[in-house]
Amino acid sequence: MADQIDLGKILGYAEVTTPTTGGLDTTGSVTLGSPAPAGGTVVNLSSSDTSVATVPSSTTVSAGQTKSPSFTVTTYVVTSQKQATIGGSAGGNALTGAILTVNVP
């Protein structure tokens, strides 16, 4: 799990289940620094290396909640241990990313 860092611009943080074996799906979630407003908060997700892992384009934290539902993180077979940072943004604010370690099958 990534540590939450409050620098005024940080929205919250992403979490992923790590390590995992390449080719096996794992899960992730987003935790906001404060409850989502009415209508919820859409968080745009990203992976720093899409040859290692991909995520859905977004997830939504429901109004009044701080944590998103779990989403699937798809990993790919690697020939050596690799890492990808799973992160995102909402409203121009960045999430503190979570480092996902993917191992050789």
PDB file of N, CA and C in Angstrom:
ATOM      1  N   MET A   1       0.840  -1.164   0.000  1.00  0.00           N
ATOM      2  CA  MET A   1       0.000   0.000   0.000  1.00  0.00           C
ATOM      3  C   MET A   1       0.887   1.230   0.000  1.00  0.00           C
ATOM      4  N   ALA A   2       0.516   2.214  -0.775  1.00  0.00           N
ATOM      5  CA  ALA A   2       1.256   3.470  -0.801  1.00  0.00           C
ATOM      6  C   ALA A   2       0.916   4.284   0.444  1.00  0.00           C
ATOM      7  N   ASP A   3       1.882   5.051   0.928  1.00  0.00           N
ATOM      8  CA  ASP A   3       1.628   5.931   2.057  1.00  0.00           C
ATOM      9  C   ASP A   3       0.896   7.168   1.574  1.00  0.00           C
ATOM     10  N   GLN A   4      -0.015   7.674   2.389  1.00  0.00           N
ATOM     11  CA  GLN A   4      -0.720   8.899   2.039  1.00  0.00           C
ATOM     12  C   GLN A   4       0.170  10.079   2.413  1.00  0.00           C
ATOM     13  N   ILE A   5       0.369  10.985   1.470  1.00  0.00           N
ATOM     14  CA  ILE A   5       1.182  12.172   1.683  1.00  0.00           C
ATOM     15  C   ILE A   5       0.304  13.378   1.406  1.00  0.00           C
ATOM     16  N   ASP A   6       0.180  14.290   2.343  1.00  0.00           N
ATOM     17  CA  ASP A   6      -0.662  15.467   2.163  1.00  0.00           C
ATOM     18  C   ASP A   6       0.222  16.673   1.876  1.00  0.00           C
ATOM     19  N   LEU A   7       0.287  17.064   0.616  1.00  0.00           N
ATOM     20  CA  LEU A   7       1.053  18.234   0.218  1.00  0.00           C
ATOM     21  C   LEU A   7       0.134  19.325  -0.300  1.00  0.00           C
ATOM     22  N   GLY A   8      -1.143  19.244  -0.014  1.00  0.00           N
ATOM     23  CA  GLY A   8      -2.094  20.231  -0.482  1.00  0.00           C
ATOM     24  C   GLY A   8      -2.625  19.919  -1.868  1.00  0.00           C
ATOM     25  N   LYS A   9      -1.799  19.353  -2.717  1.00  0.00           N
ATOM     26  CA  LYS A   9      -2.231  19.012  -4.074  1.00  0.00           C
ATOM     27  C   LYS A   9      -2.521  17.522  -4.214  1.00  0.00           C
ATOM     28  N   ILE A  10      -2.134  16.741  -3.230  1.00  0.00           N
ATOM     29  CA  ILE A  10      -2.348  15.302  -3.301  1.00  0.00           C
ATOM     30  C   ILE A  10      -3.784  14.995  -2.907  1.00  0.00           C
ATOM     31  N   LEU A  11      -4.460  14.268  -3.776  1.00  0.00           N
ATOM     32  CA  LEU A  11      -5.864  13.950  -3.569  1.00  0.00           C
ATOM     33  C   LEU A  11      -6.048  12.783  -2.611  1.00  0.00           C
ATOM     34  N   GLY A  12      -5.178  11.824  -2.654  1.00  0.00           N
ATOM     35  CA  GLY A  12      -5.305  10.596  -1.877  1.00  0.00           C
ATOM     36  C   GLY A  12      -4.252   9.635  -2.356  1.00  0.00           C
ATOM     37  N   TYR A  13      -4.577   8.338  -2.352  1.00  0.00           N
ATOM     38  CA  TYR A  13      -3.589   7.368  -2.798  1.00  0.00           C
ATOM     39  C   TYR A  13      -4.256   6.155  -3.421  1.00  0.00           C
ATOM     40  N   ALA A  14      -3.460   5.447  -4.222  1.00  0.00           N
ATOM     41  CA  ALA A  14      -3.905   4.200  -4.836  1.00  0.00           C
ATOM     42  C   ALA A  14      -3.308   3.043  -4.056  1.00  0.00           C
ATOM     43  N   GLU A  15      -4.004   1.922  -4.049  1.00  0.00           N
ATOM     44  CA  GLU A  15      -3.510   0.702  -3.419  1.00  0.00           C
ATOM     45  C   GLU A  15      -3.620  -0.438  -4.413  1.00  0.00           C
ATOM     46  N   VAL A  16      -2.647  -1.338  -4.405  1.00  0.00           N
ATOM     47  CA  VAL A  16      -2.730  -2.553  -5.210  1.00  0.00           C
ATOM     48  C   VAL A  16      -2.241  -3.720  -4.372  1.00  0.00           C
ATOM     49  N   THR A  17      -2.728  -4.911  -4.702  1.00  0.00           N
ATOM     50  CA  THR A  17      -2.255  -6.119  -4.063  1.00  0.00           C
ATOM     51  C   THR A  17      -0.974  -6.530  -4.767  1.00  0.00           C
ATOM     52  N   THR A  18       0.134  -6.546  -4.044  1.00  0.00           N
ATOM     53  CA  THR A  18       1.440  -6.802  -4.645  1.00  0.00           C
ATOM     54  C   THR A  18       2.261  -7.647  -3.696  1.00  0.00           C
ATOM     55  N   PRO A  19       3.198  -8.470  -4.120  1.00  0.00           N
ATOM     56  CA  PRO A  19       3.504  -8.730  -5.537  1.00  0.00           C
ATOM     57  C   PRO A  19       2.501  -9.690  -6.146  1.00  0.00           C
ATOM     58  N   THR A  20       2.593  -9.817  -7.452  1.00  0.00           N
ATOM     59  CA  THR A  20       1.751 -10.759  -8.164  1.00  0.00           C
ATOM     60  C   THR A  20       2.571 -11.407  -9.267  1.00  0.00           C
ATOM     61  N   THR A  21       2.058 -12.488  -9.809  1.00  0.00           N
ATOM     62  CA  THR A  21       2.719 -13.196 -10.899  1.00  0.00           C
ATOM     63  C   THR A  21       2.179 -12.687 -12.220  1.00  0.00           C
ATOM     64  N   GLY A  22       3.075 -12.401 -13.155  1.00  0.00           N
ATOM     65  CA  GLY A  22       2.672 -11.916 -14.469  1.00  0.00           C
ATOM     66  C   GLY A  22       1.652 -12.840 -15.116  1.00  0.00           C
ATOM     67  N   GLY A  23       0.619 -12.259 -15.699  1.00  0.00           N
ATOM     68  CA  GLY A  23      -0.437 -13.023 -16.335  1.00  0.00           C
ATOM     69  C   GLY A  23      -1.628 -13.263 -15.434  1.00  0.00           C
ATOM     70  N   LEU A  24      -1.489 -12.962 -14.144  1.00  0.00           N
ATOM     71  CA  LEU A  24      -2.596 -13.115 -13.200  1.00  0.00           C
ATOM     72  C   LEU A  24      -3.128 -11.739 -12.842  1.00  0.00           C
ATOM     73  N   ASP A  25      -4.451 -11.608 -12.804  1.00  0.00           N
ATOM     74  CA  ASP A  25      -5.049 -10.340 -12.411  1.00  0.00           C
ATOM     75  C   ASP A  25      -4.900 -10.134 -10.912  1.00  0.00           C
ATOM     76  N   THR A  26      -4.845  -8.883 -10.510  1.00  0.00           N
ATOM     77  CA  THR A  26      -4.851  -8.518  -9.100  1.00  0.00           C
ATOM     78  C   THR A  26      -5.862  -7.389  -8.944  1.00  0.00           C
ATOM     79  N   THR A  27      -5.970  -6.820  -7.770  1.00  0.00           N
ATOM     80  CA  THR A  27      -6.960  -5.773  -7.553  1.00  0.00           C
ATOM     81  C   THR A  27      -6.306  -4.499  -7.044  1.00  0.00           C
ATOM     82  N   GLY A  28      -7.032  -3.405  -7.239  1.00  0.00           N
ATOM     83  CA  GLY A  28      -6.600  -2.115  -6.735  1.00  0.00           C
ATOM     84  C   GLY A  28      -7.791  -1.336  -6.238  1.00  0.00           C
ATOM     85  N   SER A  29      -7.523  -0.241  -5.545  1.00  0.00           N
ATOM     86  CA  SER A  29      -8.567   0.672  -5.100  1.00  0.00           C
ATOM     87  C   SER A  29      -7.944   2.038  -4.901  1.00  0.00           C
ATOM     88  N   VAL A  30      -8.793   3.031  -4.743  1.00  0.00           N
ATOM     89  CA  VAL A  30      -8.361   4.404  -4.527  1.00  0.00           C
ATOM     90  C   VAL A  30      -8.967   4.886  -3.227  1.00  0.00           C
ATOM     91  N   THR A  31      -8.175   5.554  -2.406  1.00  0.00           N
ATOM     92  CA  THR A  31      -8.664   6.167  -1.177  1.00  0.00           C
ATOM     93  C   THR A  31      -8.431   7.661  -1.266  1.00  0.00           C
ATOM     94  N   LEU A  32      -9.487   8.427  -1.078  1.00  0.00           N
ATOM     95  CA  LEU A  32      -9.399   9.886  -1.122  1.00  0.00           C
ATOM     96  C   LEU A  32      -9.034  10.443   0.248  1.00  0.00           C
ATOM     97  N   GLY A  33      -8.488  11.649   0.263  1.00  0.00           N
ATOM     98  CA  GLY A  33      -8.125  12.307   1.508  1.00  0.00           C
ATOM     99  C   GLY A  33      -9.324  12.824   2.277  1.00  0.00           C
ATOM    100  N   SER A  34     -10.471  12.964   1.610  1.00  0.00           N
ATOM    101  CA  SER A  34     -11.714  13.402   2.255  1.00  0.00           C
ATOM    102  C   SER A  34     -12.882  12.792   1.490  1.00  0.00           C
ATOM    103  N   PRO A  35     -14.075  12.745   2.082  1.00  0.00           N
ATOM    104  CA  PRO A  35     -15.216  12.123   1.407  1.00  0.00           C
ATOM    105  C   PRO A  35     -15.546  12.793   0.068  1.00  0.00           C
ATOM    106  N   ALA A  36     -15.969  11.982  -0.869  1.00  0.00           N
ATOM    107  CA  ALA A  36     -16.365  12.489  -2.184  1.00  0.00           C
ATOM    108  C   ALA A  36     -17.614  13.354  -2.042  1.00  0.00           C
ATOM    109  N   PRO A  37     -17.715  14.418  -2.843  1.00  0.00           N
ATOM    110  CA  PRO A  37     -18.885  15.296  -2.777  1.00  0.00           C
ATOM    111  C   PRO A  37     -20.119  14.640  -3.401  1.00  0.00           C
ATOM    112  N   ALA A  38     -21.257  15.334  -3.339  1.00  0.00           N
ATOM    113  CA  ALA A  38     -22.482  14.858  -3.992  1.00  0.00           C
ATOM    114  C   ALA A  38     -22.173  14.562  -5.452  1.00  0.00           C
ATOM    115  N   GLY A  39     -22.655  13.446  -5.942  1.00  0.00           N
ATOM    116  CA  GLY A  39     -22.378  13.044  -7.316  1.00  0.00           C
ATOM    117  C   GLY A  39     -21.143  12.174  -7.443  1.00  0.00           C
ATOM    118  N   GLY A  40     -20.335  12.078  -6.374  1.00  0.00           N
ATOM    119  CA  GLY A  40     -19.151  11.234  -6.381  1.00  0.00           C
ATOM    120  C   GLY A  40     -17.952  11.906  -7.035  1.00  0.00           C
ATOM    121  N   THR A  41     -16.833  11.209  -7.005  1.00  0.00           N
ATOM    122  CA  THR A  41     -15.598  11.683  -7.618  1.00  0.00           C
ATOM    123  C   THR A  41     -15.098  10.633  -8.592  1.00  0.00           C
ATOM    124  N   VAL A  42     -14.947  11.025  -9.848  1.00  0.00           N
ATOM    125  CA  VAL A  42     -14.373  10.140 -10.859  1.00  0.00           C
ATOM    126  C   VAL A  42     -12.862  10.309 -10.808  1.00  0.00           C
ATOM    127  N   VAL A  43     -12.155   9.204 -10.642  1.00  0.00           N
ATOM    128  CA  VAL A  43     -10.699   9.211 -10.608  1.00  0.00           C
ATOM    129  C   VAL A  43     -10.201   8.545 -11.882  1.00  0.00           C
ATOM    130  N   ASN A  44      -9.421   9.263 -12.675  1.00  0.00           N
ATOM    131  CA  ASN A  44      -8.812   8.722 -13.886  1.00  0.00           C
ATOM    132  C   ASN A  44      -7.580   7.932 -13.482  1.00  0.00           C
ATOM    133  N   LEU A  45      -7.549   6.657 -13.869  1.00  0.00           N
ATOM    134  CA  LEU A  45      -6.469   5.759 -13.455  1.00  0.00           C
ATOM    135  C   LEU A  45      -5.383   5.673 -14.516  1.00  0.00           C
ATOM    136  N   SER A  46      -4.177   5.290 -14.070  1.00  0.00           N
ATOM    137  CA  SER A  46      -3.065   5.153 -15.010  1.00  0.00           C
ATOM    138  C   SER A  46      -2.084   4.100 -14.520  1.00  0.00           C
ATOM    139  N   SER A  47      -1.308   3.574 -15.465  1.00  0.00           N
ATOM    140  CA  SER A  47      -0.199   2.664 -15.185  1.00  0.00           C
ATOM    141  C   SER A  47       1.035   3.256 -15.840  1.00  0.00           C
ATOM    142  N   SER A  48       2.143   3.266 -15.106  1.00  0.00           N
ATOM    143  CA  SER A  48       3.378   3.829 -15.659  1.00  0.00           C
ATOM    144  C   SER A  48       4.001   2.949 -16.726  1.00  0.00           C
ATOM    145  N   ASP A  49       3.619   1.679 -16.777  1.00  0.00           N
ATOM    146  CA  ASP A  49       4.172   0.760 -17.781  1.00  0.00           C
ATOM    147  C   ASP A  49       3.074  -0.222 -18.195  1.00  0.00           C
ATOM    148  N   THR A  50       2.432   0.073 -19.323  1.00  0.00           N
ATOM    149  CA  THR A  50       1.304  -0.753 -19.764  1.00  0.00           C
ATOM    150  C   THR A  50       1.742  -2.086 -20.362  1.00  0.00           C
ATOM    151  N   SER A  51       3.055  -2.315 -20.495  1.00  0.00           N
ATOM    152  CA  SER A  51       3.513  -3.650 -20.905  1.00  0.00           C
ATOM    153  C   SER A  51       3.586  -4.573 -19.684  1.00  0.00           C
ATOM    154  N   VAL A  52       3.493  -4.006 -18.494  1.00  0.00           N
ATOM    155  CA  VAL A  52       3.534  -4.770 -17.245  1.00  0.00           C
ATOM    156  C   VAL A  52       2.132  -4.919 -16.655  1.00  0.00           C
ATOM    157  N   ALA A  53       1.379  -3.815 -16.627  1.00  0.00           N
ATOM    158  CA  ALA A  53       0.041  -3.846 -16.015  1.00  0.00           C
ATOM    159  C   ALA A  53      -0.829  -2.745 -16.604  1.00  0.00           C
ATOM    160  N   THR A  54      -2.120  -3.047 -16.731  1.00  0.00           N
ATOM    161  CA  THR A  54      -3.089  -2.042 -17.168  1.00  0.00           C
ATOM    162  C   THR A  54      -4.232  -1.977 -16.166  1.00  0.00           C
ATOM    163  N   VAL A  55      -4.893  -0.831 -16.164  1.00  0.00           N
ATOM    164  CA  VAL A  55      -6.014  -0.582 -15.256  1.00  0.00           C
ATOM    165  C   VAL A  55      -7.169  -0.020 -16.064  1.00  0.00           C
ATOM    166  N   PRO A  56      -8.382  -0.050 -15.518  1.00  0.00           N
ATOM    167  CA  PRO A  56      -9.498   0.608 -16.204  1.00  0.00           C
ATOM    168  C   PRO A  56      -9.193   2.099 -16.356  1.00  0.00           C
ATOM    169  N   SER A  57      -9.885   2.759 -17.250  1.00  0.00           N
ATOM    170  CA  SER A  57      -9.619   4.182 -17.468  1.00  0.00           C
ATOM    171  C   SER A  57      -9.999   5.034 -16.261  1.00  0.00           C
ATOM    172  N   SER A  58     -10.989   4.567 -15.481  1.00  0.00           N
ATOM    173  CA  SER A  58     -11.405   5.343 -14.308  1.00  0.00           C
ATOM    174  C   SER A  58     -12.145   4.471 -13.307  1.00  0.00           C
ATOM    175  N   THR A  59     -12.322   5.025 -12.114  1.00  0.00           N
ATOM    176  CA  THR A  59     -13.151   4.432 -11.078  1.00  0.00           C
ATOM    177  C   THR A  59     -13.864   5.579 -10.375  1.00  0.00           C
ATOM    178  N   THR A  60     -14.969   5.298  -9.745  1.00  0.00           N
ATOM    179  CA  THR A  60     -15.741   6.345  -9.081  1.00  0.00           C
ATOM    180  C   THR A  60     -15.856   6.063  -7.594  1.00  0.00           C
ATOM    181  N   VAL A  61     -15.543   7.083  -6.802  1.00  0.00           N
ATOM    182  CA  VAL A  61     -15.760   7.018  -5.361  1.00  0.00           C
ATOM    183  C   VAL A  61     -17.125   7.648  -5.118  1.00  0.00           C
ATOM    184  N   SER A  62     -18.039   6.895  -4.542  1.00  0.00           N
ATOM    185  CA  SER A  62     -19.411   7.361  -4.320  1.00  0.00           C
ATOM    186  C   SER A  62     -19.468   8.531  -3.345  1.00  0.00           C
ATOM    187  N   ALA A  63     -20.497   9.351  -3.495  1.00  0.00           N
ATOM    188  CA  ALA A  63     -20.708  10.512  -2.620  1.00  0.00           C
ATOM    189  C   ALA A  63     -20.649  10.097  -1.148  1.00  0.00           C
ATOM    190  N   GLY A  64     -19.907  10.858  -0.370  1.00  0.00           N
ATOM    191  CA  GLY A  64     -19.803  10.606   1.061  1.00  0.00           C
ATOM    192  C   GLY A  64     -18.798   9.541   1.442  1.00  0.00           C
ATOM    193  N   GLN A  65     -18.245   8.850   0.456  1.00  0.00           N
ATOM    194  CA  GLN A  65     -17.282   7.777   0.707  1.00  0.00           C
ATOM    195  C   GLN A  65     -15.854   8.271   0.480  1.00  0.00           C
ATOM    196  N   THR A  66     -14.875   7.548   1.009  1.00  0.00           N
ATOM    197  CA  THR A  66     -13.473   7.879   0.748  1.00  0.00           C
ATOM    198  C   THR A  66     -12.773   6.809  -0.087  1.00  0.00           C
ATOM    199  N   LYS A  67     -13.364   5.615  -0.173  1.00  0.00           N
ATOM    200  CA  LYS A  67     -12.703   4.512  -0.882  1.00  0.00           C
ATOM    201  C   LYS A  67     -13.542   4.048  -2.065  1.00  0.00           C
ATOM    202  N   SER A  68     -12.855   3.778  -3.179  1.00  0.00           N
ATOM    203  CA  SER A  68     -13.527   3.276  -4.380  1.00  0.00           C
ATOM    204  C   SER A  68     -13.798   1.787  -4.236  1.00  0.00           C
ATOM    205  N   PRO A  69     -14.696   1.270  -5.073  1.00  0.00           N
ATOM    206  CA  PRO A  69     -14.802  -0.189  -5.169  1.00  0.00           C
ATOM    207  C   PRO A  69     -13.484  -0.735  -5.722  1.00  0.00           C
ATOM    208  N   SER A  70     -13.221  -1.991  -5.474  1.00  0.00           N
ATOM    209  CA  SER A  70     -12.025  -2.619  -6.052  1.00  0.00           C
ATOM    210  C   SER A  70     -12.147  -2.659  -7.564  1.00  0.00           C
ATOM    211  N   PHE A  71     -11.016  -2.482  -8.253  1.00  0.00           N
ATOM    212  CA  PHE A  71     -10.988  -2.617  -9.698  1.00  0.00           C
ATOM    213  C   PHE A  71      -9.901  -3.620 -10.071  1.00  0.00           C
ATOM    214  N   THR A  72     -10.026  -4.185 -11.266  1.00  0.00           N
ATOM    215  CA  THR A  72      -9.077  -5.194 -11.728  1.00  0.00           C
ATOM    216  C   THR A  72      -7.831  -4.538 -12.305  1.00  0.00           C
ATOM    217  N   VAL A  73      -6.684  -5.048 -11.898  1.00  0.00           N
ATOM    218  CA  VAL A  73      -5.402  -4.669 -12.479  1.00  0.00           C
ATOM    219  C   VAL A  73      -4.934  -5.886 -13.269  1.00  0.00           C
ATOM    220  N   THR A  74      -4.863  -5.738 -14.584  1.00  0.00           N
ATOM    221  CA  THR A  74      -4.443  -6.833 -15.456  1.00  0.00           C
ATOM    222  C   THR A  74      -2.932  -6.796 -15.586  1.00  0.00           C
ATOM    223  N   THR A  75      -2.286  -7.935 -15.299  1.00  0.00           N
ATOM    224  CA  THR A  75      -0.830  -7.996 -15.457  1.00  0.00           C
ATOM    225  C   THR A  75      -0.476  -8.903 -16.622  1.00  0.00           C
ATOM    226  N   TYR A  76       0.713  -8.707 -17.130  1.00  0.00           N
ATOM    227  CA  TYR A  76       1.189  -9.448 -18.294  1.00  0.00           C
ATOM    228  C   TYR A  76       2.435 -10.242 -17.934  1.00  0.00           C
ATOM    229  N   VAL A  77       2.658 -11.331 -18.674  1.00  0.00           N
ATOM    230  CA  VAL A  77       3.819 -12.178 -18.442  1.00  0.00           C
ATOM    231  C   VAL A  77       5.085 -11.363 -18.692  1.00  0.00           C
ATOM    232  N   VAL A  78       6.025 -11.453 -17.761  1.00  0.00           N
ATOM    233  CA  VAL A  78       7.306 -10.759 -17.860  1.00  0.00           C
ATOM    234  C   VAL A  78       8.428 -11.785 -17.833  1.00  0.00           C
ATOM    235  N   THR A  79       9.572 -11.420 -18.388  1.00  0.00           N
ATOM    236  CA  THR A  79      10.722 -12.337 -18.407  1.00  0.00           C
ATOM    237  C   THR A  79      11.690 -12.069 -17.267  1.00  0.00           C
ATOM    238  N   SER A  80      11.502 -10.970 -16.573  1.00  0.00           N
ATOM    239  CA  SER A  80      12.227 -10.655 -15.347  1.00  0.00           C
ATOM    240  C   SER A  80      11.296  -9.807 -14.488  1.00  0.00           C
ATOM    241  N   GLN A  81      11.586  -9.751 -13.199  1.00  0.00           N
ATOM    242  CA  GLN A  81      10.713  -8.980 -12.311  1.00  0.00           C
ATOM    243  C   GLN A  81      10.630  -7.529 -12.790  1.00  0.00           C
ATOM    244  N   LYS A  82       9.406  -7.006 -12.835  1.00  0.00           N
ATOM    245  CA  LYS A  82       9.160  -5.633 -13.291  1.00  0.00           C
ATOM    246  C   LYS A  82       8.244  -4.929 -12.299  1.00  0.00           C
ATOM    247  N   GLN A  83       8.240  -3.603 -12.389  1.00  0.00           N
ATOM    248  CA  GLN A  83       7.343  -2.819 -11.551  1.00  0.00           C
ATOM    249  C   GLN A  83       6.613  -1.788 -12.404  1.00  0.00           C
ATOM    250  N   ALA A  84       5.408  -1.462 -11.983  1.00  0.00           N
ATOM    251  CA  ALA A  84       4.630  -0.393 -12.601  1.00  0.00           C
ATOM    252  C   ALA A  84       3.976   0.394 -11.474  1.00  0.00           C
ATOM    253  N   THR A  85       3.915   1.697 -11.640  1.00  0.00           N
ATOM    254  CA  THR A  85       3.230   2.531 -10.656  1.00  0.00           C
ATOM    255  C   THR A  85       1.790   2.723 -11.105  1.00  0.00           C
ATOM    256  N   ILE A  86       0.866   2.354 -10.229  1.00  0.00           N
ATOM    257  CA  ILE A  86      -0.559   2.532 -10.489  1.00  0.00           C
ATOM    258  C   ILE A  86      -0.981   3.816  -9.776  1.00  0.00           C
ATOM    259  N   GLY A  87      -1.498   4.754 -10.551  1.00  0.00           N
ATOM    260  CA  GLY A  87      -1.865   6.037  -9.969  1.00  0.00           C
ATOM    261  C   GLY A  87      -3.081   6.609 -10.653  1.00  0.00           C
ATOM    262  N   GLY A  88      -3.287   7.893 -10.479  1.00  0.00           N
ATOM    263  CA  GLY A  88      -4.425   8.528 -11.105  1.00  0.00           C
ATOM    264  C   GLY A  88      -4.558   9.977 -10.711  1.00  0.00           C
ATOM    265  N   SER A  89      -5.648  10.566 -11.179  1.00  0.00           N
ATOM    266  CA  SER A  89      -5.895  11.976 -10.882  1.00  0.00           C
ATOM    267  C   SER A  89      -7.389  12.259 -10.940  1.00  0.00           C
ATOM    268  N   ALA A  90      -7.769  13.350 -10.287  1.00  0.00           N
ATOM    269  CA  ALA A  90      -9.160  13.825 -10.314  1.00  0.00           C
ATOM    270  C   ALA A  90      -9.145  15.321 -10.074  1.00  0.00           C
ATOM    271  N   GLY A  91      -9.854  16.042 -10.891  1.00  0.00           N
ATOM    272  CA  GLY A  91      -9.950  17.475 -10.713  1.00  0.00           C
ATOM    273  C   GLY A  91      -8.618  18.194 -10.752  1.00  0.00           C
ATOM    274  N   GLY A  92      -7.670  17.656 -11.507  1.00  0.00           N
ATOM    275  CA  GLY A  92      -6.356  18.277 -11.602  1.00  0.00           C
ATOM    276  C   GLY A  92      -5.411  17.923 -10.466  1.00  0.00           C
ATOM    277  N   ASN A  93      -5.858  17.104  -9.539  1.00  0.00           N
ATOM    278  CA  ASN A  93      -5.019  16.687  -8.418  1.00  0.00           C
ATOM    279  C   ASN A  93      -4.528  15.262  -8.642  1.00  0.00           C
ATOM    280  N   ALA A  94      -3.287  15.014  -8.242  1.00  0.00           N
ATOM    281  CA  ALA A  94      -2.680  13.696  -8.429  1.00  0.00           C
ATOM    282  C   ALA A  94      -2.885  12.810  -7.212  1.00  0.00           C
ATOM    283  N   LEU A  95      -2.933  11.507  -7.468  1.00  0.00           N
ATOM    284  CA  LEU A  95      -2.915  10.512  -6.401  1.00  0.00           C
ATOM    285  C   LEU A  95      -1.481  10.101  -6.162  1.00  0.00           C
ATOM    286  N   THR A  96      -1.153   9.751  -4.943  1.00  0.00           N
ATOM    287  CA  THR A  96       0.118   9.097  -4.672  1.00  0.00           C
ATOM    288  C   THR A  96       0.000   7.689  -5.230  1.00  0.00           C
ATOM    289  N   GLY A  97       0.906   7.307  -6.116  1.00  0.00           N
ATOM    290  CA  GLY A  97       0.817   6.008  -6.770  1.00  0.00           C
ATOM    291  C   GLY A  97       1.241   4.858  -5.889  1.00  0.00           C
ATOM    292  N   ALA A  98       0.800   3.677  -6.271  1.00  0.00           N
ATOM    293  CA  ALA A  98       1.186   2.441  -5.605  1.00  0.00           C
ATOM    294  C   ALA A  98       2.074   1.661  -6.562  1.00  0.00           C
ATOM    295  N   ILE A  99       3.177   1.144  -6.037  1.00  0.00           N
ATOM    296  CA  ILE A  99       4.095   0.374  -6.882  1.00  0.00           C
ATOM    297  C   ILE A  99       3.675  -1.086  -6.877  1.00  0.00           C
ATOM    298  N   LEU A 100       3.393  -1.603  -8.064  1.00  0.00           N
ATOM    299  CA  LEU A 100       3.011  -2.996  -8.250  1.00  0.00           C
ATOM    300  C   LEU A 100       4.220  -3.763  -8.745  1.00  0.00           C
ATOM    301  N   THR A 101       4.602  -4.815  -8.040  1.00  0.00           N
ATOM    302  CA  THR A 101       5.700  -5.684  -8.468  1.00  0.00           C
ATOM    303  C   THR A 101       5.103  -6.904  -9.161  1.00  0.00           C
ATOM    304  N   VAL A 102       5.588  -7.186 -10.380  1.00  0.00           N
ATOM    305  CA  VAL A 102       5.115  -8.319 -11.147  1.00  0.00           C
ATOM    306  C   VAL A 102       6.281  -9.292 -11.328  1.00  0.00           C
ATOM    307  N   ASN A 103       6.078 -10.540 -10.902  1.00  0.00           N
ATOM    308  CA  ASN A 103       7.110 -11.559 -10.963  1.00  0.00           C
ATOM    309  C   ASN A 103       6.961 -12.465 -12.165  1.00  0.00           C
ATOM    310  N   VAL A 104       8.043 -13.124 -12.515  1.00  0.00           N
ATOM    311  CA  VAL A 104       8.058 -14.108 -13.601  1.00  0.00           C
ATOM    312  C   VAL A 104       7.177 -15.290 -13.203  1.00  0.00           C
ATOM    313  N   PRO A 105       6.349 -15.779 -14.139  1.00  0.00           N
ATOM    314  CA  PRO A 105       5.495 -16.938 -13.808  1.00  0.00           C
ATOM    315  C   PRO A 105       6.324 -18.175 -13.511  1.00  0.00           C
TER     316      PRO A 105
END
